[in-house]
Protein backbone atom coordinates (compact mmCIF):
# COMPACT_ATOMS: atom_id res chain seq x y z
CA MET A 1 -51.83 15.07 -173.87
CA ASN A 2 -50.97 17.13 -170.47
CA PHE A 3 -47.97 15.79 -168.59
CA ARG A 4 -48.44 18.39 -165.83
CA PHE A 5 -50.01 18.16 -162.43
CA THR A 6 -52.71 21.08 -162.06
CA GLU A 7 -52.51 23.91 -159.46
CA LYS A 8 -54.53 21.91 -156.74
CA GLU A 9 -52.11 18.71 -157.08
CA GLU A 10 -49.08 20.62 -156.88
CA ALA A 11 -50.64 22.35 -154.10
CA LEU A 12 -51.22 18.92 -152.40
CA ARG A 13 -47.82 17.66 -152.99
CA LYS A 14 -46.28 20.65 -151.67
CA GLU A 15 -48.20 20.33 -148.84
CA VAL A 16 -47.87 16.73 -148.17
CA ARG A 17 -43.87 17.19 -148.59
CA GLU A 18 -43.74 20.27 -146.17
CA TYR A 19 -45.42 17.96 -143.64
CA LEU A 20 -43.07 15.26 -143.75
CA GLN A 21 -39.91 17.60 -144.21
CA GLY A 22 -40.67 19.32 -140.97
CA GLU A 23 -41.54 15.55 -139.24
CA SER A 24 -38.00 14.90 -139.57
CA GLU A 25 -37.07 13.21 -136.47
CA LEU A 26 -40.33 10.62 -136.92
CA MET A 27 -39.69 9.80 -140.68
CA ALA A 28 -36.18 8.99 -139.65
CA ASP A 29 -37.38 6.22 -137.27
CA VAL A 30 -39.82 5.15 -140.20
CA ARG A 31 -37.39 4.87 -142.28
CA ARG A 32 -35.35 3.04 -140.01
CA GLU A 33 -38.18 0.15 -139.04
CA THR A 34 -38.95 0.37 -142.97
CA GLU A 35 -35.60 -1.26 -143.78
CA SER A 36 -35.27 -3.37 -140.85
CA GLY A 37 -37.64 -5.59 -142.88
CA LEU A 38 -39.37 -6.70 -139.26
CA GLY A 39 -42.61 -5.03 -139.97
CA PHE A 40 -44.96 -2.16 -138.89
CA GLY A 41 -43.25 -1.04 -135.31
CA PRO A 42 -44.23 1.71 -133.23
CA ARG A 43 -43.17 4.61 -135.16
CA ILE A 44 -44.60 3.69 -138.27
CA GLN A 45 -48.27 3.22 -136.46
CA GLU A 46 -47.58 6.53 -135.22
CA PHE A 47 -46.88 7.82 -138.60
CA LEU A 48 -49.84 6.22 -139.77
CA ARG A 49 -52.27 7.15 -137.24
CA LYS A 50 -50.96 10.87 -138.21
CA THR A 51 -51.17 10.79 -141.92
CA GLY A 52 -54.54 9.15 -141.71
CA ALA A 53 -55.89 11.68 -139.55
CA LYS A 54 -55.07 14.20 -142.45
CA GLY A 55 -57.07 11.85 -144.97
CA TRP A 56 -53.92 11.26 -146.89
CA LEU A 57 -53.78 7.41 -146.73
CA THR A 58 -57.24 7.46 -148.60
CA PRO A 59 -57.63 10.83 -150.28
CA SER A 60 -59.58 9.22 -152.96
CA TRP A 61 -62.04 7.17 -150.90
CA PRO A 62 -65.11 8.83 -150.13
CA LYS A 63 -65.41 11.04 -147.16
CA GLU A 64 -68.38 9.03 -145.63
CA TYR A 65 -65.44 6.19 -145.12
CA GLY A 66 -63.01 8.58 -144.14
CA GLY A 67 -61.34 9.42 -147.46
CA LEU A 68 -61.19 13.18 -148.93
CA GLY A 69 -63.50 12.44 -151.79
CA GLY A 70 -60.37 13.23 -154.22
CA SER A 71 -58.87 11.59 -157.41
CA TYR A 72 -56.55 8.79 -157.75
CA ILE A 73 -54.24 11.03 -158.99
CA GLU A 74 -54.24 12.97 -155.74
CA ARG A 75 -53.38 9.85 -153.97
CA TYR A 76 -50.63 8.72 -156.31
CA ILE A 77 -49.19 12.41 -155.41
CA VAL A 78 -49.50 11.33 -151.81
CA ALA A 79 -48.10 8.29 -152.11
CA GLU A 80 -45.05 8.92 -154.05
CA GLU A 81 -44.27 11.66 -151.28
CA ILE A 82 -44.44 9.39 -148.66
CA ALA A 83 -42.26 6.47 -150.06
CA ARG A 84 -39.64 9.17 -151.10
CA PHE A 85 -39.19 9.86 -147.44
CA GLY A 86 -39.11 6.21 -146.35
CA GLY A 87 -42.62 5.48 -145.59
CA PRO A 88 -44.93 3.22 -146.15
CA SER A 89 -46.60 3.99 -148.99
CA SER A 90 -49.39 1.08 -149.93
CA PRO A 91 -50.00 -0.92 -146.71
CA VAL A 92 -52.23 -3.81 -147.58
CA GLY A 93 -55.57 -2.33 -145.81
CA VAL A 94 -55.27 1.08 -147.80
CA SER A 95 -54.08 -0.03 -151.31
CA MET A 96 -55.50 -3.85 -151.85
CA ALA A 97 -58.30 -4.82 -149.26
CA GLY A 98 -60.09 -1.01 -148.82
CA PRO A 99 -60.22 -0.70 -152.58
CA THR A 100 -61.70 -4.26 -152.96
CA ILE A 101 -64.18 -3.71 -149.92
CA LEU A 102 -65.70 -0.36 -151.37
CA LEU A 103 -65.93 -2.59 -154.82
CA PHE A 104 -67.20 -5.85 -153.62
CA GLY A 105 -67.95 -5.91 -149.54
CA SER A 106 -71.27 -5.29 -147.83
CA GLU A 107 -72.27 -2.27 -146.78
CA GLU A 108 -71.51 -3.65 -142.81
CA GLN A 109 -67.64 -4.47 -143.83
CA LYS A 110 -67.70 -0.96 -145.38
CA LYS A 111 -68.70 0.64 -142.38
CA THR A 112 -66.80 -1.57 -140.01
CA PHE A 113 -63.37 -1.58 -141.74
CA LEU A 114 -62.95 1.36 -144.44
CA PRO A 115 -62.61 4.38 -141.39
CA LYS A 116 -60.31 2.33 -139.31
CA ILE A 117 -58.12 1.65 -142.22
CA ALA A 118 -58.48 5.52 -143.37
CA ARG A 119 -57.43 6.64 -139.89
CA GLY A 120 -54.24 4.27 -140.19
CA GLU A 121 -55.81 2.17 -137.12
CA VAL A 122 -55.66 -1.26 -138.40
CA GLU A 123 -53.77 -3.24 -141.04
CA PHE A 124 -54.33 -6.32 -143.42
CA ALA A 125 -51.89 -9.43 -144.41
CA LEU A 126 -52.10 -10.90 -147.88
CA GLY A 127 -53.33 -14.55 -147.32
CA TYR A 128 -52.80 -15.75 -150.77
CA SER A 129 -49.43 -18.08 -151.36
CA GLU A 130 -49.39 -21.68 -150.50
CA PRO A 131 -46.55 -24.20 -150.14
CA GLU A 132 -47.60 -25.46 -153.41
CA HIS A 133 -49.14 -22.33 -155.15
CA GLY A 134 -47.74 -19.31 -155.65
CA SER A 135 -47.65 -18.42 -159.32
CA ASP A 136 -50.58 -20.60 -159.84
CA LEU A 137 -52.76 -18.97 -157.05
CA ALA A 138 -56.13 -20.54 -158.77
CA ALA A 139 -55.18 -23.46 -157.60
CA LEU A 140 -54.64 -23.36 -153.74
CA GLU A 141 -56.03 -25.76 -151.44
CA MET A 142 -57.00 -24.16 -148.18
CA ARG A 143 -60.28 -25.50 -147.46
CA ALA A 144 -63.02 -23.43 -145.99
CA VAL A 145 -66.34 -25.27 -145.34
CA LYS A 146 -69.99 -24.21 -144.07
CA ASP A 147 -70.85 -24.97 -140.16
CA GLY A 148 -74.00 -23.14 -139.38
CA ASP A 149 -73.10 -19.16 -139.32
CA ASP A 150 -69.32 -19.88 -139.92
CA TYR A 151 -66.94 -20.98 -141.96
CA VAL A 152 -64.77 -23.60 -140.70
CA ILE A 153 -61.20 -23.03 -142.20
CA ASN A 154 -57.87 -25.52 -142.80
CA GLY A 155 -54.68 -25.49 -144.32
CA GLN A 156 -51.25 -23.39 -144.53
CA LYS A 157 -50.31 -20.19 -145.95
CA VAL A 158 -46.58 -19.20 -146.54
CA PHE A 159 -45.03 -15.90 -147.20
CA ASN A 160 -47.35 -14.01 -145.76
CA THR A 161 -45.59 -10.85 -144.96
CA ALA A 162 -47.55 -8.98 -142.38
CA CYS A 163 -48.92 -11.70 -140.72
CA HIS A 164 -47.14 -11.00 -137.63
CA TYR A 165 -47.98 -7.63 -137.15
CA ALA A 166 -51.62 -7.16 -138.96
CA ASP A 167 -55.18 -7.15 -137.40
CA TYR A 168 -57.00 -9.18 -140.24
CA HIS A 169 -55.89 -11.64 -142.58
CA TRP A 170 -57.31 -11.10 -146.11
CA LEU A 171 -57.53 -14.94 -147.12
CA GLY A 172 -58.28 -16.39 -149.89
CA ALA A 173 -59.66 -20.21 -149.47
CA ARG A 174 -61.36 -22.70 -151.58
CA THR A 175 -65.12 -23.25 -150.51
CA ASP A 176 -65.94 -25.57 -153.67
CA PRO A 177 -63.13 -28.06 -154.34
CA ASP A 178 -65.36 -29.82 -157.21
CA ALA A 179 -65.33 -26.63 -159.20
CA PRO A 180 -63.02 -25.07 -161.85
CA LYS A 181 -60.09 -23.84 -160.08
CA HIS A 182 -60.79 -20.40 -160.73
CA ARG A 183 -64.87 -20.64 -159.77
CA GLY A 184 -64.55 -22.07 -156.50
CA ILE A 185 -62.43 -19.88 -154.26
CA SER A 186 -63.99 -17.49 -151.99
CA LEU A 187 -62.30 -14.34 -150.11
CA PHE A 188 -62.34 -14.05 -146.27
CA ILE A 189 -61.17 -11.20 -143.62
CA VAL A 190 -60.55 -12.89 -140.80
CA ASP A 191 -59.51 -11.71 -137.13
CA MET A 192 -55.78 -12.80 -137.08
CA ASN A 193 -56.58 -13.34 -133.33
CA SER A 194 -59.06 -16.14 -133.85
CA PRO A 195 -58.35 -19.40 -132.32
CA GLY A 196 -56.25 -22.32 -134.20
CA ILE A 197 -54.29 -19.54 -136.19
CA THR A 198 -50.30 -20.09 -135.67
CA ILE A 199 -47.30 -18.12 -137.06
CA ARG A 200 -43.98 -18.98 -137.73
CA PRO A 201 -41.49 -16.54 -139.01
CA LEU A 202 -39.55 -16.86 -142.49
CA ILE A 203 -36.38 -14.56 -143.15
CA GLY A 204 -35.38 -13.67 -146.03
CA MET A 205 -31.79 -13.21 -147.56
CA SER A 206 -32.52 -9.11 -146.75
CA GLY A 207 -33.59 -10.09 -143.17
CA MET A 208 -37.09 -9.43 -143.98
CA ARG A 209 -39.42 -11.49 -142.11
CA THR A 210 -42.28 -13.13 -143.79
CA ASN A 211 -44.49 -16.11 -142.51
CA GLU A 212 -45.89 -19.20 -142.54
CA VAL A 213 -49.34 -19.51 -141.31
CA PHE A 214 -51.55 -22.58 -140.23
CA TYR A 215 -55.03 -22.83 -139.84
CA ASP A 216 -56.45 -25.58 -137.62
CA ASP A 217 -60.48 -25.20 -137.61
CA VAL A 218 -60.49 -21.58 -137.49
CA ARG A 219 -64.12 -20.41 -137.24
CA VAL A 220 -64.93 -17.43 -139.50
CA PRO A 221 -68.56 -15.57 -139.23
CA ARG A 222 -70.53 -16.00 -142.67
CA SER A 223 -70.25 -12.22 -142.22
CA ARG A 224 -66.94 -11.89 -142.96
CA LEU A 225 -66.90 -13.37 -146.37
CA VAL A 226 -66.28 -10.63 -149.24
CA GLY A 227 -69.11 -10.42 -151.99
CA GLU A 228 -70.44 -13.78 -153.03
CA GLU A 229 -69.13 -17.02 -152.54
CA ASN A 230 -66.88 -19.03 -155.15
CA ARG A 231 -66.25 -15.53 -156.72
CA GLY A 232 -63.22 -14.88 -154.16
CA TRP A 233 -60.46 -15.59 -157.37
CA TYR A 234 -62.07 -12.54 -159.53
CA TYR A 235 -62.18 -10.26 -156.77
CA ILE A 236 -58.44 -11.43 -155.57
CA ALA A 237 -57.39 -10.58 -159.29
CA THR A 238 -58.92 -7.10 -159.14
CA ALA A 239 -56.85 -6.41 -155.45
CA LEU A 240 -54.02 -7.60 -157.17
CA ASP A 241 -54.48 -4.90 -160.06
CA PHE A 242 -54.46 -2.38 -157.20
CA GLU A 243 -51.20 -3.74 -155.76
CA ARG A 244 -49.27 -4.00 -158.99
CA THR A 245 -49.65 -0.10 -159.11
CA TRP A 246 -46.28 0.82 -158.91
CA VAL A 247 -45.31 3.84 -156.87
CA VAL A 248 -41.63 5.45 -157.84
CA GLY A 249 -41.50 7.65 -154.57
CA THR A 250 -38.69 4.62 -153.20
CA THR A 251 -36.34 4.18 -156.21
CA LEU A 252 -36.51 8.04 -156.72
CA SER A 253 -35.25 8.53 -152.88
CA TYR A 254 -32.33 6.10 -153.79
CA PHE A 255 -31.82 8.16 -157.27
CA GLU A 256 -31.59 11.05 -155.46
CA GLU A 257 -28.93 10.20 -152.66
CA PHE A 258 -27.00 8.52 -155.85
CA LEU A 259 -26.73 11.77 -157.22
CA ARG A 260 -25.66 13.08 -154.20
CA TYR A 261 -22.79 10.90 -154.01
CA ILE A 262 -21.50 11.09 -157.09
CA ARG A 263 -21.41 15.10 -156.68
CA GLU A 264 -19.62 14.61 -153.24
CA THR A 265 -17.53 11.50 -153.82
CA GLU A 266 -14.42 12.12 -155.76
CA ARG A 267 -11.99 9.57 -157.64
CA ASN A 268 -8.77 10.51 -159.86
CA GLY A 269 -9.04 14.26 -158.49
CA GLN A 270 -12.19 15.09 -159.44
CA PRO A 271 -15.88 14.20 -158.73
CA LEU A 272 -17.63 10.89 -159.96
CA ALA A 273 -20.36 13.09 -161.52
CA LYS A 274 -17.83 14.37 -164.29
CA ASP A 275 -17.19 10.60 -165.38
CA PRO A 276 -18.82 10.37 -168.79
CA VAL A 277 -19.43 6.85 -168.32
CA ILE A 278 -21.30 7.15 -165.01
CA ARG A 279 -22.73 10.84 -166.47
CA GLN A 280 -24.45 8.29 -169.41
CA ARG A 281 -25.39 5.90 -167.00
CA ILE A 282 -27.57 8.55 -164.87
CA GLY A 283 -29.11 9.58 -167.81
CA GLU A 284 -30.32 6.21 -168.58
CA LEU A 285 -31.81 5.97 -165.46
CA ALA A 286 -33.20 8.95 -164.85
CA THR A 287 -35.22 8.19 -168.09
CA GLN A 288 -36.71 4.88 -166.98
CA ILE A 289 -37.53 6.03 -163.64
CA GLU A 290 -39.80 8.86 -165.70
CA VAL A 291 -41.37 6.05 -167.63
CA VAL A 292 -42.50 4.12 -164.42
CA ARG A 293 -43.71 7.41 -163.16
CA LEU A 294 -45.80 7.84 -166.29
CA PHE A 295 -47.12 3.94 -165.90
CA GLY A 296 -47.96 4.80 -162.04
CA VAL A 297 -49.79 8.12 -163.24
CA ARG A 298 -51.47 6.48 -166.13
CA ILE A 299 -52.81 3.62 -163.89
CA ALA A 300 -54.58 6.70 -161.87
CA CYS A 301 -55.94 8.03 -164.72
CA MET A 302 -57.88 5.03 -165.46
CA LEU A 303 -59.07 4.48 -161.73
CA ASN A 304 -60.52 8.32 -161.95
CA LYS A 305 -62.50 6.94 -165.27
CA GLY A 306 -63.55 3.38 -163.22
CA THR A 307 -61.70 1.33 -165.10
CA ILE A 308 -59.60 -1.30 -163.31
CA PRO A 309 -55.99 -1.67 -164.69
CA ASN A 310 -55.19 -4.73 -165.84
CA TYR A 311 -51.93 -5.70 -168.22
CA GLN A 312 -51.27 -1.48 -167.79
CA ALA A 313 -50.71 -2.94 -164.17
CA ALA A 314 -48.49 -5.81 -164.85
CA MET A 315 -46.25 -3.27 -167.04
CA ALA A 316 -45.93 -0.75 -164.86
CA LYS A 317 -44.92 -3.83 -161.96
CA ALA A 318 -42.62 -5.68 -163.99
CA PHE A 319 -40.84 -2.74 -165.54
CA GLY A 320 -40.84 -0.88 -162.19
CA SER A 321 -39.15 -3.74 -160.59
CA GLU A 322 -36.84 -4.04 -162.78
CA VAL A 323 -35.77 -0.50 -163.15
CA GLU A 324 -35.40 -0.22 -159.46
CA HIS A 325 -32.98 -3.57 -159.51
CA GLU A 326 -31.33 -1.62 -162.02
CA LEU A 327 -30.76 1.41 -160.09
CA ALA A 328 -29.24 -0.88 -157.21
CA ASN A 329 -27.29 -3.06 -159.64
CA THR A 330 -25.75 0.60 -160.66
CA TRP A 331 -24.99 1.60 -156.96
CA MET A 332 -23.34 -1.98 -156.43
CA GLN A 333 -21.13 -1.63 -159.39
CA LEU A 334 -19.98 2.00 -158.85
CA LEU A 335 -19.11 0.98 -154.72
CA ASP A 336 -17.45 -2.06 -155.47
CA LEU A 337 -16.56 -4.21 -152.92
CA TYR A 338 -17.36 -1.35 -150.48
CA GLY A 339 -21.22 -2.26 -151.30
CA ARG A 340 -21.09 -5.61 -149.88
CA LEU A 341 -20.57 -3.95 -146.69
CA GLU A 342 -23.65 -4.69 -144.34
CA VAL A 343 -25.41 -2.40 -142.10
CA GLY A 344 -23.47 -1.16 -139.42
CA SER A 345 -20.11 -2.31 -140.82
CA GLU A 346 -17.30 -0.04 -140.41
CA GLY A 347 -16.43 2.13 -143.80
CA ALA A 348 -19.96 1.05 -145.05
CA PRO A 349 -21.32 4.24 -147.62
CA LEU A 350 -24.29 4.83 -146.66
CA ASN A 351 -24.11 2.64 -143.67
CA GLY A 352 -24.53 0.00 -145.82
CA ARG A 353 -27.97 0.70 -146.42
CA ILE A 354 -27.20 0.09 -150.14
CA GLU A 355 -26.28 -3.55 -149.64
CA HIS A 356 -29.47 -4.45 -147.83
CA TRP A 357 -31.84 -2.43 -150.69
CA TYR A 358 -30.23 -4.33 -153.41
CA LEU A 359 -30.87 -7.81 -151.59
CA GLU A 360 -34.74 -6.31 -151.28
CA THR A 361 -34.86 -5.36 -154.81
CA ILE A 362 -34.49 -8.91 -155.77
CA ARG A 363 -37.21 -9.77 -154.05
CA GLY A 364 -39.09 -7.29 -155.84
CA LEU A 365 -38.82 -8.83 -158.92
CA LEU A 366 -40.60 -12.09 -157.41
CA THR A 367 -43.16 -10.48 -155.28
CA ARG A 368 -46.58 -9.33 -156.17
CA GLY A 369 -46.20 -11.38 -159.20
CA THR A 370 -42.68 -12.23 -161.09
CA SER A 371 -41.88 -10.69 -164.27
CA GLU A 372 -42.04 -13.65 -166.20
CA ILE A 373 -45.91 -13.94 -164.83
CA MET A 374 -46.30 -9.96 -165.52
CA ARG A 375 -45.23 -10.70 -169.51
CA ASN A 376 -47.44 -13.32 -169.64
CA ILE A 377 -50.49 -11.32 -168.57
CA ILE A 378 -49.61 -8.34 -170.96
CA ALA A 379 -48.80 -10.77 -173.93
CA LEU A 380 -52.51 -12.37 -172.61
CA ARG A 381 -54.58 -9.41 -171.94
CA GLY A 382 -52.61 -6.99 -173.75
CA LEU A 383 -51.62 -8.41 -176.70
CA GLY A 384 -54.33 -10.99 -177.36
CA LEU A 385 -52.00 -13.63 -178.03
CA PRO A 386 -52.58 -17.13 -177.09
CA ALA A 387 -52.22 -19.00 -173.92
CA ALA A 388 -48.59 -21.21 -174.38
């Protein structure tokens, strides 16, 4: 097996990296907006439009829909570099809604939404979790009832992170309450400016904003139904596999900062990098991060062959999020009490970014499917074990 990228792929990596290095002021602002946890601000939107104009948000999409007609390996490379510089590597429109529309959407939906997603002009928010239904997503209760040429939707969603700045809601709702729970759900594209939608903020422990969203007699045209009615669960499951495709760029960025810190910081008269305990931990983390990258590249190879990653995506998500948390935990152990200092605190190493990131990695163990759910998927679909 060849573990190297081709010359063309490496040339793309170099081109993207040099571009991002040349946009250092923009990328610094993008990183600050990303780490604020408050959503896509003006500089992130500017960044998305610039990279979208180059085709880098969707390099694997067909050219007719705004892509470059390239491979999923190229998509992975671009996303890794963007994440490495602190940018949003996997917006919902690019990473979940768009690929699912490509597979199951109508021709009208493809022409309406895909070019705008590819150009970085619109963003989507996931509309899955409900107050009583998160991990057991197939039990969702939000109702969508046909009324002429529309569906009328009522109910509540929770932890819908991008709703306060997204243009569209990628919404799961129940269209057949009498069917088995996996078979009565449909998937909709809802304009977030529709009358009857109310958004209220929920702030997490890291300061990141997510939302609870209320639908009161919201009318959605039948043309915004994705695929077939009552097949939404299967489309959502496919979109989740796309979401769980892990990109190692953010973890790698913090690991590189960790290396710089221990090389430049002395304790007892010598750099921390010479401490044998720390060196052993570096070796362990470097190995684990490389494994995470190989998980991601493997999934890209599967997508190139037309195979939807299933338990493989669960493996990547579970291991990737846990390695990310392990690195953050190593940072906190090394910094000791200084690691608890928040952003802006006097004397805080790296201006307190590690404390914020540590809290974010805890969230990462839960979002996009908890590690426990991922292990269930691996057991059932990957190992063929019986359901509990």
